[in-house]
Amino acid sequence: MSEFFEVPSPFCGVGTDDLTIKVDGLKISVIENGCAINMPAFEHEITETKARINGKEVGLNEAISHAASLLKNTNFPLIGGCATDVNGMRGLLALADRVGAVVDNANFNNARKNILALQDSGWMNTTLAEVKNRCDVLLIIGTDLEGFAPRFFEKYLWNEAMFLENTSNRDIIYLGTKPSGVASTSPNGKTAQIFECANENLPEVVTVLRALVKGQPIQAENVAGIPVANLKEIAEKLKNAKYGVITWAAGSLNYSHAELTVQTISEMIKNLNETTRCSGFPLGGKEGDQTANQVCGWTSGYAARVSFAKGYPEYDPFLFETNELLNNGEADALIWVNSFNAGAKPPKTSLPTIVVARSGMTFEKEPDVFIPVGTPGIDHTGHAYRLDNVVAIRLKKLRDSGLPSTAEVLNAIEQVLREESVC
């Protein structure tokens, strides 16, 4: 039995790095600083360590060889999930290049809302360190921030800051979704302001808020049930802030063309920077989505929805979507990769399916090949990007499970295919 201190987490997205973990054989317990996201993710039990072919346990090398044989003559394979660490994603892209596969991160439909806005008109965003040390007004749009990251306020708002004398005086404002708890209440009892509306009404609400920031007249008295007077108050707080921050989670904006809302927020931030300082802070980073986009970006020049079928990277944020390719019958094999979440199962398909995933994943239909792999930050060392994209968290190895890493498995499959192509 052993204890590990200051353990970083690849699960919560915000770079929590102060967990205390107890390891007893293969059993892991979070004994300090856990949360509703990190505790179940770390404490998930290993239920199998053997690879399977059509449900039958086999040796790892046999599973790797069989996976390679399934991919050898494919024309348009699909690699989905893409939830792994930096080295795992590197191995995934090498395999994709070898077999001419489409690469599609499972969370890309959410990330796409941000990427489209960024590509069209750009944005001005900040980091966790700047939020912690400078933010005096935080506007949260359409998101339950403490539900997304339970320890966000504890770690980054209600603590010492380099450029604020009393962090308890920060203004917290919720627009759209209300918080699920009281984490946004400061240590001195100051509560968040909450202005509720349905998320599908946010395009109208945010547009009016931007107009008020620009000093444009608004004739209406209410927008989606929110008094315009309240929106004027928010606009004034943002304009008078020394360092305002506006945050949102694209995955919570569940309506058509939500990228336009992200763009409106980003343009409002630019307007505010004409007279003060304000930055955006998009939320993400769970299950390796930022890592996938970072590694795919520096490898191919594009975010993680890209095809290698033509012998070079081809990016399309819509055409290369996993379910579309499966439903349209375009793909002819599926490789599903998820080393973080055993509950994130591959989509149903009759295609040859290879699953490289965390131990404990169950299936209605057994895949052709299932290779259980270790989890970065638990079973092996690694790196994963947190949500602000500026820091690659160094992940620790906590136990000896005997499970291979995703990188080892995918690199081995690619090696078999490479050797066979030479013969």
Protein backbone atom coordinates (compact mmCIF):
# COMPACT_ATOMS: atom_id res chain seq x y z
CA MET A 1 0.00 0.00 0.00
CA SER A 2 1.31 3.46 -0.89
CA GLU A 3 0.18 7.07 -1.01
CA PHE A 4 0.84 9.66 -3.71
CA PHE A 5 0.62 13.39 -3.10
CA GLU A 6 0.05 16.30 -5.48
CA VAL A 7 -1.36 13.97 -8.11
CA PRO A 8 -2.54 15.71 -11.30
CA SER A 9 -5.82 14.74 -12.94
CA PRO A 10 -6.45 14.21 -16.67
CA PHE A 11 -10.21 13.98 -16.09
CA CYS A 12 -11.55 17.37 -14.94
CA GLY A 13 -10.06 19.62 -17.61
CA VAL A 14 -8.95 22.38 -15.22
CA GLY A 15 -5.61 20.95 -14.23
CA THR A 16 -6.37 19.83 -10.70
CA ASP A 17 -2.95 18.81 -9.38
CA ASP A 18 -3.31 18.44 -5.61
CA LEU A 19 -5.02 15.08 -5.18
CA THR A 20 -3.87 12.61 -2.55
CA ILE A 21 -4.21 9.04 -3.81
CA LYS A 22 -3.94 5.76 -1.92
CA VAL A 23 -3.00 2.68 -3.93
CA ASP A 24 -3.58 -0.84 -2.59
CA GLY A 25 -2.63 -3.32 -5.28
CA LEU A 26 -4.86 -2.39 -8.20
CA LYS A 27 -7.36 -0.50 -6.03
CA ILE A 28 -7.16 3.29 -6.03
CA SER A 29 -8.82 5.65 -3.56
CA VAL A 30 -8.90 9.43 -3.63
CA ILE A 31 -8.47 10.43 0.00
CA GLU A 32 -7.99 14.21 -0.29
CA ASN A 33 -9.24 16.92 -2.66
CA GLY A 34 -11.45 14.66 -4.75
CA CYS A 35 -14.59 15.83 -6.54
CA ALA A 36 -17.61 14.37 -8.29
CA ILE A 37 -15.59 14.06 -11.51
CA ASN A 38 -12.17 12.96 -10.32
CA MET A 39 -13.14 10.44 -7.66
CA PRO A 40 -15.14 8.00 -9.83
CA ALA A 41 -12.64 8.40 -12.68
CA PHE A 42 -9.63 7.52 -10.52
CA GLU A 43 -11.43 4.82 -8.52
CA HIS A 44 -12.81 2.94 -11.53
CA GLU A 45 -11.88 -0.73 -11.10
CA ILE A 46 -9.92 -2.86 -13.52
CA THR A 47 -12.16 -5.76 -14.54
CA GLU A 48 -10.07 -7.34 -17.29
CA THR A 49 -6.47 -7.23 -18.44
CA LYS A 50 -6.62 -9.66 -21.36
CA ALA A 51 -7.29 -8.74 -24.97
CA ARG A 52 -10.19 -10.44 -26.77
CA ILE A 53 -10.94 -11.49 -30.32
CA ASN A 54 -14.69 -11.96 -30.87
CA GLY A 55 -15.09 -12.31 -27.10
CA LYS A 56 -12.33 -14.92 -26.64
CA GLU A 57 -9.32 -14.01 -24.53
CA VAL A 58 -6.04 -14.00 -26.46
CA GLY A 59 -2.52 -12.74 -26.03
CA LEU A 60 -1.78 -9.10 -26.76
CA ASN A 61 0.37 -9.85 -29.80
CA GLU A 62 -2.34 -12.02 -31.33
CA ALA A 63 -4.91 -9.24 -30.83
CA ILE A 64 -2.56 -6.70 -32.41
CA SER A 65 -1.93 -8.95 -35.41
CA HIS A 66 -5.66 -9.57 -35.87
CA ALA A 67 -6.40 -5.85 -35.67
CA ALA A 68 -3.79 -5.21 -38.32
CA SER A 69 -5.31 -7.88 -40.56
CA LEU A 70 -8.71 -6.21 -40.30
CA LEU A 71 -7.23 -2.89 -41.38
CA LYS A 72 -4.89 -4.20 -44.08
CA ASN A 73 -7.29 -3.97 -47.02
CA THR A 74 -9.64 -1.22 -45.86
CA ASN A 75 -10.35 1.76 -48.09
CA PHE A 76 -11.85 4.26 -45.68
CA PRO A 77 -11.42 3.28 -42.01
CA LEU A 78 -12.53 5.56 -39.21
CA ILE A 79 -10.72 6.21 -35.93
CA GLY A 80 -13.21 7.62 -33.42
CA GLY A 81 -13.16 8.56 -29.76
CA CYS A 82 -9.56 9.82 -29.78
CA ALA A 83 -9.58 10.12 -25.98
CA THR A 84 -5.99 9.56 -24.94
CA ASP A 85 -2.81 11.37 -23.95
CA VAL A 86 -0.22 13.09 -26.15
CA ASN A 87 1.74 9.93 -27.02
CA GLY A 88 -1.47 7.98 -27.57
CA MET A 89 -2.67 10.63 -30.01
CA ARG A 90 0.65 10.58 -31.81
CA GLY A 91 0.32 6.83 -32.26
CA LEU A 92 -3.28 7.25 -33.41
CA LEU A 93 -2.27 9.73 -36.10
CA ALA A 94 0.59 7.52 -37.28
CA LEU A 95 -1.87 4.65 -37.69
CA ALA A 96 -4.36 6.93 -39.46
CA ASP A 97 -1.67 8.02 -41.89
CA ARG A 98 -0.67 4.40 -42.49
CA VAL A 99 -4.20 3.16 -43.33
CA GLY A 100 -5.70 6.37 -44.76
CA ALA A 101 -8.20 6.79 -41.95
CA VAL A 102 -10.51 9.56 -40.84
CA VAL A 103 -9.72 10.85 -37.35
CA ASP A 104 -12.65 12.22 -35.36
CA ASN A 105 -12.56 13.20 -31.69
CA ALA A 106 -15.76 12.25 -29.87
CA ASN A 107 -16.25 15.80 -28.51
CA PHE A 108 -15.57 17.58 -31.79
CA ASN A 109 -19.21 18.56 -32.40
CA ASN A 110 -18.94 20.69 -29.26
CA ALA A 111 -15.47 22.02 -30.07
CA ARG A 112 -16.66 22.86 -33.58
CA LYS A 113 -18.84 25.67 -32.21
CA ASN A 114 -15.71 27.35 -30.88
CA ILE A 115 -13.48 26.48 -33.83
CA LEU A 116 -15.89 27.94 -36.41
CA ALA A 117 -16.03 31.22 -34.50
CA LEU A 118 -12.25 31.28 -34.11
CA GLN A 119 -11.66 30.56 -37.79
CA ASP A 120 -14.17 33.18 -38.95
CA SER A 121 -13.28 36.22 -36.86
CA GLY A 122 -10.81 35.26 -34.12
CA TRP A 123 -11.07 35.74 -30.37
CA MET A 124 -9.23 37.04 -27.31
CA ASN A 125 -8.95 34.37 -24.61
CA THR A 126 -7.13 33.98 -21.33
CA THR A 127 -5.61 31.28 -19.13
CA LEU A 128 -6.35 29.73 -15.75
CA ALA A 129 -3.45 31.66 -14.21
CA GLU A 130 -4.85 34.98 -15.42
CA VAL A 131 -8.33 34.10 -14.18
CA LYS A 132 -6.87 33.28 -10.78
CA ASN A 133 -4.67 36.36 -10.48
CA ARG A 134 -6.57 39.12 -12.29
CA CYS A 135 -10.28 38.43 -12.84
CA ASP A 136 -12.56 40.76 -10.86
CA VAL A 137 -15.79 40.14 -12.84
CA LEU A 138 -16.68 36.66 -14.11
CA LEU A 139 -19.66 36.28 -16.44
CA ILE A 140 -20.75 32.65 -16.96
CA ILE A 141 -22.97 32.16 -20.00
CA GLY A 142 -25.24 29.13 -20.44
CA THR A 143 -23.17 26.85 -18.20
CA ASP A 144 -23.29 25.38 -14.71
CA LEU A 145 -19.63 26.07 -14.01
CA GLU A 146 -19.41 24.15 -10.74
CA GLY A 147 -21.15 21.20 -12.37
CA PHE A 148 -18.57 21.31 -15.14
CA ALA A 149 -15.61 21.62 -12.76
CA PRO A 150 -16.66 21.19 -9.11
CA ARG A 151 -13.46 22.69 -7.68
CA PHE A 152 -13.11 25.61 -10.10
CA PHE A 153 -14.15 28.30 -7.63
CA GLU A 154 -12.07 26.79 -4.82
CA LYS A 155 -8.95 26.51 -6.98
CA TYR A 156 -9.13 29.65 -9.09
CA LEU A 157 -11.49 32.21 -7.56
CA TRP A 158 -11.58 32.00 -3.75
CA ASN A 159 -7.87 32.09 -3.06
CA GLU A 160 -4.92 34.46 -3.00
CA ALA A 161 -4.27 36.42 -6.17
CA MET A 162 -1.27 38.39 -7.34
CA PHE A 163 -3.21 41.47 -8.45
CA LEU A 164 -6.31 41.52 -6.21
CA GLU A 165 -6.35 42.49 -2.55
CA ASN A 166 -9.56 40.68 -1.64
CA THR A 167 -10.67 37.89 -3.96
CA SER A 168 -13.94 37.51 -2.01
CA ASN A 169 -15.10 40.73 -3.66
CA ARG A 170 -15.06 39.28 -7.16
CA ASP A 171 -18.38 39.64 -8.99
CA ILE A 172 -19.81 36.32 -10.26
CA ILE A 173 -22.70 36.53 -12.72
CA TYR A 174 -24.65 33.62 -14.22
CA LEU A 175 -26.54 34.31 -17.44
CA GLY A 176 -28.83 31.55 -18.72
CA THR A 177 -28.16 28.43 -16.66
CA LYS A 178 -28.23 28.71 -12.87
CA PRO A 179 -25.56 27.03 -10.69
CA SER A 180 -26.24 23.61 -9.23
CA GLY A 181 -24.75 24.46 -5.83
CA VAL A 182 -23.21 27.23 -3.76
CA ALA A 183 -19.55 27.02 -4.79
CA SER A 184 -19.89 30.45 -6.41
CA THR A 185 -20.62 32.05 -3.02
CA SER A 186 -17.44 33.76 -1.81
CA PRO A 187 -15.81 33.02 1.57
CA ASN A 188 -17.28 36.28 2.95
CA GLY A 189 -20.78 35.29 1.85
CA LYS A 190 -21.10 37.31 -1.37
CA THR A 191 -23.42 35.40 -3.70
CA ALA A 192 -23.53 35.22 -7.45
CA GLN A 193 -26.06 37.17 -9.45
CA ILE A 194 -28.24 34.82 -11.45
CA PHE A 195 -30.28 35.76 -14.52
CA GLU A 196 -32.02 32.66 -15.85
CA CYS A 197 -33.31 31.95 -19.32
CA ALA A 198 -33.55 28.90 -21.56
CA ASN A 199 -30.29 28.24 -23.36
CA GLU A 200 -32.01 28.39 -26.74
CA ASN A 201 -32.79 32.05 -25.96
CA LEU A 202 -29.14 32.92 -25.37
CA PRO A 203 -28.52 34.11 -28.96
CA GLU A 204 -31.05 36.91 -28.44
CA VAL A 205 -29.91 37.68 -24.89
CA VAL A 206 -26.21 37.79 -25.78
CA THR A 207 -26.89 39.95 -28.84
CA VAL A 208 -28.73 42.50 -26.70
CA LEU A 209 -25.96 42.41 -24.10
CA ARG A 210 -23.39 43.16 -26.78
CA ALA A 211 -25.48 46.05 -28.08
CA LEU A 212 -25.62 47.48 -24.55
CA VAL A 213 -21.84 47.12 -24.19
CA LYS A 214 -21.51 49.16 -27.42
CA GLY A 215 -23.92 51.78 -26.11
CA GLN A 216 -26.67 50.99 -28.61
CA PRO A 217 -30.26 51.84 -27.62
CA ILE A 218 -32.63 48.94 -26.88
CA GLN A 219 -36.36 49.60 -27.07
CA ALA A 220 -37.52 46.34 -25.47
CA GLU A 221 -37.94 46.11 -21.71
CA ASN A 222 -37.40 42.34 -21.45
CA VAL A 223 -35.43 39.76 -23.42
CA ALA A 224 -36.32 36.09 -22.86
CA GLY A 225 -37.75 37.02 -19.48
CA ILE A 226 -34.68 38.97 -18.36
CA PRO A 227 -35.23 42.71 -17.81
CA VAL A 228 -33.08 44.83 -20.11
CA ALA A 229 -32.23 46.87 -17.01
CA ASN A 230 -30.45 43.81 -15.62
CA LEU A 231 -28.54 43.32 -18.84
CA LYS A 232 -27.51 46.99 -18.67
CA GLU A 233 -26.17 46.31 -15.19
CA ILE A 234 -24.10 43.40 -16.49
CA ALA A 235 -22.80 45.52 -19.36
CA GLU A 236 -21.74 48.28 -16.95
CA LYS A 237 -19.96 45.82 -14.66
CA LEU A 238 -18.03 44.44 -17.62
CA LYS A 239 -17.11 47.93 -18.83
CA ASN A 240 -15.98 49.00 -15.37
CA ALA A 241 -14.05 45.82 -14.59
CA LYS A 242 -10.28 45.93 -14.45
CA TYR A 243 -10.10 42.42 -15.89
CA GLY A 244 -13.41 40.87 -16.89
CA VAL A 245 -13.67 37.26 -17.99
CA ILE A 246 -16.55 35.69 -19.93
CA THR A 247 -16.77 31.90 -19.90
CA TRP A 248 -18.96 29.34 -21.63
CA ALA A 249 -19.02 25.62 -22.41
CA ALA A 250 -19.78 24.96 -26.07
CA GLY A 251 -21.25 21.58 -25.14
CA SER A 252 -24.00 23.35 -23.16
CA LEU A 253 -25.08 25.46 -26.14
CA ASN A 254 -27.39 22.81 -27.55
CA TYR A 255 -29.12 24.64 -30.36
CA SER A 256 -28.57 25.22 -34.06
CA HIS A 257 -25.74 27.51 -35.11
CA ALA A 258 -24.47 27.97 -31.57
CA GLU A 259 -21.17 29.04 -33.12
CA LEU A 260 -22.86 32.38 -33.82
CA THR A 261 -23.42 32.85 -30.09
CA VAL A 262 -19.74 32.09 -29.47
CA GLN A 263 -18.87 34.60 -32.16
CA THR A 264 -21.12 37.26 -30.59
CA ILE A 265 -19.46 36.68 -27.20
CA SER A 266 -16.02 36.93 -28.80
CA GLU A 267 -16.89 40.13 -30.65
CA MET A 268 -18.33 41.63 -27.44
CA ILE A 269 -15.02 40.88 -25.72
CA LYS A 270 -13.22 42.80 -28.48
CA ASN A 271 -15.61 45.73 -27.95
CA LEU A 272 -14.86 45.75 -24.22
CA ASN A 273 -11.12 45.82 -24.87
CA GLU A 274 -11.47 49.23 -26.51
CA THR A 275 -11.73 50.78 -23.02
CA THR A 276 -10.79 48.06 -20.49
CA ARG A 277 -9.46 44.50 -20.30
CA CYS A 278 -11.68 41.51 -20.91
CA SER A 279 -10.98 37.97 -22.07
CA GLY A 280 -12.88 34.87 -23.08
CA PHE A 281 -12.50 31.52 -21.38
CA PRO A 282 -14.04 28.55 -23.26
CA LEU A 283 -14.46 25.44 -21.13
CA GLY A 284 -13.39 21.98 -22.30
CA GLY A 285 -10.47 19.63 -21.85
CA LYS A 286 -12.31 16.52 -20.67
CA GLU A 287 -11.45 13.06 -22.00
CA GLY A 288 -8.54 14.34 -24.01
CA ASP A 289 -10.39 16.63 -26.42
CA GLN A 290 -7.90 19.50 -26.08
CA THR A 291 -5.05 17.01 -26.31
CA ALA A 292 -6.50 15.50 -29.49
CA ASN A 293 -6.86 18.89 -31.15
CA GLN A 294 -3.42 20.06 -30.05
CA VAL A 295 -1.56 16.99 -31.30
CA CYS A 296 -3.60 16.80 -34.50
CA GLY A 297 -2.98 20.52 -35.00
CA TRP A 298 0.79 20.39 -34.79
CA THR A 299 0.93 17.13 -36.78
CA SER A 300 -1.48 17.91 -39.62
CA GLY A 301 -2.24 21.62 -39.35
CA TYR A 302 -5.89 20.90 -38.53
CA ALA A 303 -8.10 20.11 -35.58
CA ALA A 304 -9.10 16.51 -34.83
CA ARG A 305 -11.65 15.91 -37.55
CA VAL A 306 -9.37 15.18 -40.45
CA SER A 307 -9.01 12.52 -43.14
CA PHE A 308 -5.78 10.94 -44.36
CA ALA A 309 -7.55 8.96 -47.10
CA LYS A 310 -6.01 10.99 -49.93
CA GLY A 311 -2.48 10.56 -48.65
CA TYR A 312 -2.42 14.00 -47.05
CA PRO A 313 -4.49 15.65 -44.28
CA GLU A 314 -7.90 16.92 -45.40
CA TYR A 315 -10.02 18.85 -42.88
CA ASP A 316 -13.79 19.12 -42.89
CA PRO A 317 -15.66 19.91 -39.64
CA PHE A 318 -18.91 18.43 -40.98
CA LEU A 319 -18.29 15.67 -43.55
CA PHE A 320 -15.93 13.60 -41.40
CA GLU A 321 -18.27 13.21 -38.43
CA THR A 322 -18.28 9.66 -37.01
CA ASN A 323 -22.02 8.96 -37.03
CA GLU A 324 -22.45 10.47 -40.48
CA LEU A 325 -19.75 8.25 -41.96
CA LEU A 326 -21.22 5.17 -40.29
CA ASN A 327 -24.83 5.95 -41.16
CA ASN A 328 -23.99 6.77 -44.77
CA GLY A 329 -22.03 3.57 -45.23
CA GLU A 330 -18.85 5.43 -46.18
CA ALA A 331 -16.51 3.94 -43.58
CA ASP A 332 -15.48 0.30 -43.88
CA ALA A 333 -13.92 -0.25 -40.43
CA LEU A 334 -14.06 1.41 -37.01
CA ILE A 335 -11.22 1.83 -34.52
CA TRP A 336 -12.51 3.26 -31.23
CA VAL A 337 -10.00 4.74 -28.79
CA ASN A 338 -10.83 5.88 -25.27
CA SER A 339 -8.37 5.32 -22.44
CA PHE A 340 -10.17 7.63 -19.99
CA ASN A 341 -13.84 6.65 -19.82
CA ALA A 342 -15.04 3.05 -19.87
CA GLY A 343 -18.60 4.33 -20.27
CA ALA A 344 -17.86 6.05 -23.57
CA LYS A 345 -18.70 3.10 -25.80
CA PRO A 346 -18.27 2.96 -29.57
CA PRO A 347 -21.34 3.61 -31.73
CA LYS A 348 -23.26 0.58 -32.92
CA THR A 349 -22.14 -0.70 -36.29
CA SER A 350 -21.90 -3.90 -38.30
CA LEU A 351 -18.45 -2.90 -39.56
CA PRO A 352 -15.28 -4.63 -38.40
CA THR A 353 -14.59 -2.93 -35.07
CA ILE A 354 -11.40 -2.60 -33.05
CA VAL A 355 -11.72 -1.11 -29.57
CA VAL A 356 -8.67 0.15 -27.70
CA ALA A 357 -10.11 1.39 -24.44
CA ARG A 358 -10.05 1.52 -20.68
CA SER A 359 -10.63 -1.74 -18.84
CA GLY A 360 -14.25 -2.19 -17.83
CA MET A 361 -15.90 -1.18 -21.09
CA THR A 362 -18.88 -3.41 -21.85
CA PHE A 363 -20.60 -3.99 -25.19
CA GLU A 364 -24.00 -5.05 -26.46
CA LYS A 365 -22.17 -6.53 -29.42
CA GLU A 366 -18.65 -7.78 -28.80
CA PRO A 367 -16.16 -6.01 -31.10
CA ASP A 368 -13.93 -8.00 -33.39
CA VAL A 369 -10.97 -6.94 -31.25
CA PHE A 370 -10.96 -5.45 -27.77
CA ILE A 371 -7.64 -4.43 -26.22
CA PRO A 372 -7.89 -3.01 -22.68
CA VAL A 373 -5.27 -0.34 -22.09
CA GLY A 374 -3.94 1.59 -19.16
CA THR A 375 -5.22 5.02 -18.23
CA PRO A 376 -2.77 7.93 -18.50
CA GLY A 377 -2.09 9.35 -15.06
CA ILE A 378 -2.90 6.04 -13.35
CA ASP A 379 -1.30 3.11 -15.16
CA HIS A 380 1.46 4.97 -16.96
CA THR A 381 3.01 8.40 -17.22
CA GLY A 382 1.95 10.82 -19.92
CA HIS A 383 0.90 14.34 -20.82
CA ALA A 384 -2.55 15.86 -21.34
CA TYR A 385 -3.57 19.42 -22.15
CA ARG A 386 -5.85 21.26 -19.76
CA LEU A 387 -8.70 23.42 -21.03
CA ASP A 388 -6.74 26.64 -21.61
CA ASN A 389 -4.36 24.84 -24.00
CA VAL A 390 -1.21 26.46 -22.59
CA VAL A 391 -0.11 23.73 -20.19
CA ALA A 392 0.51 20.04 -20.83
CA ILE A 393 -0.05 18.37 -17.46
CA ARG A 394 2.61 15.81 -16.54
CA LEU A 395 0.72 12.69 -15.51
CA LYS A 396 2.08 10.21 -12.98
CA LYS A 397 2.11 6.43 -12.90
CA LEU A 398 0.37 5.25 -9.71
CA ARG A 399 0.26 1.45 -10.03
CA ASP A 400 1.57 -1.54 -11.96
CA SER A 401 -1.48 -2.93 -13.72
CA GLY A 402 0.34 -4.69 -16.54
CA LEU A 403 -1.88 -2.93 -19.06
CA PRO A 404 -0.20 -1.47 -22.16
CA SER A 405 -0.58 2.17 -23.04
CA THR A 406 -2.70 3.31 -25.98
CA ALA A 407 0.47 4.50 -27.71
CA GLU A 408 2.08 1.06 -27.36
CA VAL A 409 -0.93 -0.71 -28.85
CA LEU A 410 -1.52 1.68 -31.76
CA ASN A 411 2.19 1.88 -32.57
CA ALA A 412 2.36 -1.93 -32.58
CA ILE A 413 -0.57 -2.21 -35.01
CA GLU A 414 1.02 0.40 -37.25
CA GLN A 415 4.35 -1.46 -37.09
CA VAL A 416 2.74 -4.73 -38.24
CA LEU A 417 1.12 -2.95 -41.18
CA ARG A 418 4.38 -1.23 -42.06
CA GLU A 419 6.33 -4.49 -42.05
CA GLU A 420 3.68 -6.22 -44.17
CA SER A 421 3.76 -3.39 -46.73
CA VAL A 422 7.50 -3.88 -47.15
CA CYS A 423 7.24 -7.64 -47.68
